[in-house]
Amino acid sequence: MFRKLFGETETQQLNYLKPRIILVIVFVAVLLVGVVTHFMGIEPFSRTCMNISSLLYAVSAIVFGWHFLKSMFGFASLGALFSGNIVFGVVIMVVYFLLSAVLCLITLVLGIGRFIYLLVKKANQGLED
């Protein structure tokens, strides 16, 4: 399953996950800053951080979820959705985006777990050499 989602080899998986994990770290950091400033009573800055973190979550949902749907269901582009009927294509696209947002959480957790596993494995191999 990890090969289908993140790449064939462990090196490809690590290279694929590295920029996506950076996006997730930035998302979590901005979210935490927003929560802390909310409890400190700095409302305008808190709202701004929460809005930015929502935007980052949406981007990560598209980045993780779209690839998951593409690898599992085989749609390579948005144009493939609209090839038959435009109304049907729009409905499918909306469902696709909603599925992408929901499946992002699953893929995100799998990606973080796989990234940590690969880093630990790489560190252990470095210690054994």
Protein backbone atom coordinates (compact mmCIF):
# COMPACT_ATOMS: atom_id res chain seq x y z
CA MET A 1 0.00 0.00 0.00
CA PHE A 2 2.81 2.43 0.83
CA ARG A 3 4.41 1.77 -2.54
CA LYS A 4 1.22 2.72 -4.33
CA LEU A 5 0.73 5.85 -2.24
CA PHE A 6 4.21 7.27 -1.74
CA GLY A 7 6.59 5.68 -4.27
CA GLU A 8 8.19 2.38 -5.17
CA THR A 9 11.42 2.53 -3.17
CA GLU A 10 12.05 3.82 0.33
CA THR A 11 14.24 6.62 -1.05
CA GLN A 12 11.43 7.73 -3.38
CA GLN A 13 8.98 7.61 -0.48
CA LEU A 14 11.26 9.73 1.68
CA ASN A 15 11.75 12.26 -1.12
CA TYR A 16 7.99 12.34 -1.81
CA LEU A 17 7.01 12.79 1.84
CA LYS A 18 9.65 15.35 2.86
CA PRO A 19 8.02 18.50 1.35
CA ARG A 20 4.56 17.33 2.42
CA ILE A 21 5.69 16.82 6.00
CA ILE A 22 7.13 20.35 6.00
CA LEU A 23 3.69 21.62 4.95
CA VAL A 24 2.09 19.68 7.82
CA ILE A 25 4.65 21.01 10.33
CA VAL A 26 3.93 24.59 9.22
CA PHE A 27 0.18 23.90 9.46
CA VAL A 28 0.46 22.53 13.01
CA ALA A 29 2.80 25.35 14.09
CA VAL A 30 0.44 28.07 12.82
CA LEU A 31 -2.50 26.28 14.44
CA LEU A 32 -0.70 26.09 17.78
CA VAL A 33 0.26 29.78 17.59
CA GLY A 34 -3.40 30.59 16.92
CA VAL A 35 -4.59 28.53 19.89
CA VAL A 36 -1.98 29.99 22.25
CA THR A 37 -2.76 33.57 21.21
CA HIS A 38 -6.46 32.85 21.61
CA PHE A 39 -5.91 31.82 25.22
CA MET A 40 -3.68 34.86 25.76
CA GLY A 41 -6.54 37.09 24.60
CA ILE A 42 -5.02 38.42 21.38
CA GLU A 43 -8.12 37.85 19.27
CA PRO A 44 -7.29 39.53 15.92
CA PHE A 45 -3.96 37.73 15.62
CA SER A 46 -5.56 34.50 16.79
CA ARG A 47 -8.28 34.70 14.13
CA THR A 48 -5.67 35.43 11.47
CA CYS A 49 -3.62 32.39 12.51
CA MET A 50 -6.70 30.18 12.53
CA ASN A 51 -7.66 31.37 9.02
CA ILE A 52 -4.15 30.72 7.76
CA SER A 53 -4.13 27.25 9.34
CA SER A 54 -7.49 26.50 7.68
CA LEU A 55 -6.00 27.47 4.34
CA LEU A 56 -2.94 25.30 5.00
CA TYR A 57 -5.20 22.37 5.92
CA ALA A 58 -7.10 22.82 2.66
CA VAL A 59 -3.84 22.82 0.71
CA SER A 60 -2.59 19.72 2.55
CA ALA A 61 -5.95 18.04 1.92
CA ILE A 62 -5.53 18.60 -1.79
CA VAL A 63 -1.86 17.57 -1.75
CA PHE A 64 -2.33 14.35 0.23
CA GLY A 65 -5.90 13.46 -0.68
CA TRP A 66 -5.75 14.14 -4.40
CA HIS A 67 -2.74 11.88 -4.83
CA PHE A 68 -4.48 9.19 -2.79
CA LEU A 69 -7.59 9.35 -4.98
CA LYS A 70 -5.50 9.49 -8.14
CA SER A 71 -3.52 6.40 -7.18
CA MET A 72 -6.56 4.46 -5.96
CA PHE A 73 -9.18 5.42 -8.57
CA GLY A 74 -7.01 6.34 -11.56
CA PHE A 75 -8.13 9.89 -12.41
CA ALA A 76 -4.93 11.63 -13.47
CA SER A 77 -6.38 15.11 -14.05
CA LEU A 78 -9.48 17.21 -13.63
CA GLY A 79 -10.02 17.04 -17.38
CA ALA A 80 -10.68 13.31 -17.12
CA LEU A 81 -13.63 14.04 -14.84
CA PHE A 82 -15.29 16.32 -17.38
CA SER A 83 -14.71 14.17 -20.46
CA GLY A 84 -18.26 12.79 -20.72
CA ASN A 85 -20.91 15.14 -19.35
CA ILE A 86 -20.12 18.57 -17.86
CA VAL A 87 -22.84 18.39 -15.17
CA PHE A 88 -21.83 14.90 -14.17
CA GLY A 89 -18.19 16.06 -14.17
CA VAL A 90 -18.96 18.95 -11.80
CA VAL A 91 -20.81 16.64 -9.41
CA ILE A 92 -17.95 14.14 -9.52
CA MET A 93 -15.42 16.94 -8.94
CA VAL A 94 -17.27 18.19 -5.83
CA VAL A 95 -17.48 14.66 -4.45
CA TYR A 96 -13.82 14.17 -5.36
CA PHE A 97 -12.80 17.30 -3.41
CA LEU A 98 -14.88 16.25 -0.39
CA LEU A 99 -13.37 12.76 -0.46
CA SER A 100 -9.96 14.34 -0.84
CA ALA A 101 -10.47 16.42 2.30
CA VAL A 102 -11.67 13.42 4.32
CA LEU A 103 -9.05 11.01 3.01
CA CYS A 104 -6.38 13.61 3.69
CA LEU A 105 -6.57 12.81 7.38
CA ILE A 106 -6.03 9.11 6.76
CA THR A 107 -3.26 9.66 4.23
CA LEU A 108 -1.72 12.36 6.39
CA VAL A 109 -1.47 10.02 9.37
CA LEU A 110 -0.13 7.22 7.17
CA GLY A 111 2.37 9.61 5.60
CA ILE A 112 3.61 10.94 8.93
CA GLY A 113 3.93 7.42 10.30
CA ARG A 114 5.75 6.21 7.20
CA PHE A 115 8.07 9.23 7.23
CA ILE A 116 8.99 8.65 10.88
CA TYR A 117 9.51 4.94 10.19
CA LEU A 118 11.81 5.70 7.24
CA LEU A 119 13.81 8.24 9.26
CA VAL A 120 14.25 5.79 12.15
CA LYS A 121 15.21 3.00 9.74
CA LYS A 122 17.71 5.27 8.01
CA ALA A 123 19.19 6.34 11.36
CA ASN A 124 19.48 2.70 12.51
CA GLN A 125 21.20 1.72 9.29
CA GLY A 126 23.60 4.62 9.77
CA LEU A 127 24.41 3.43 13.29
CA GLU A 128 25.00 -0.15 12.16
CA ASP A 129 27.52 0.83 9.47
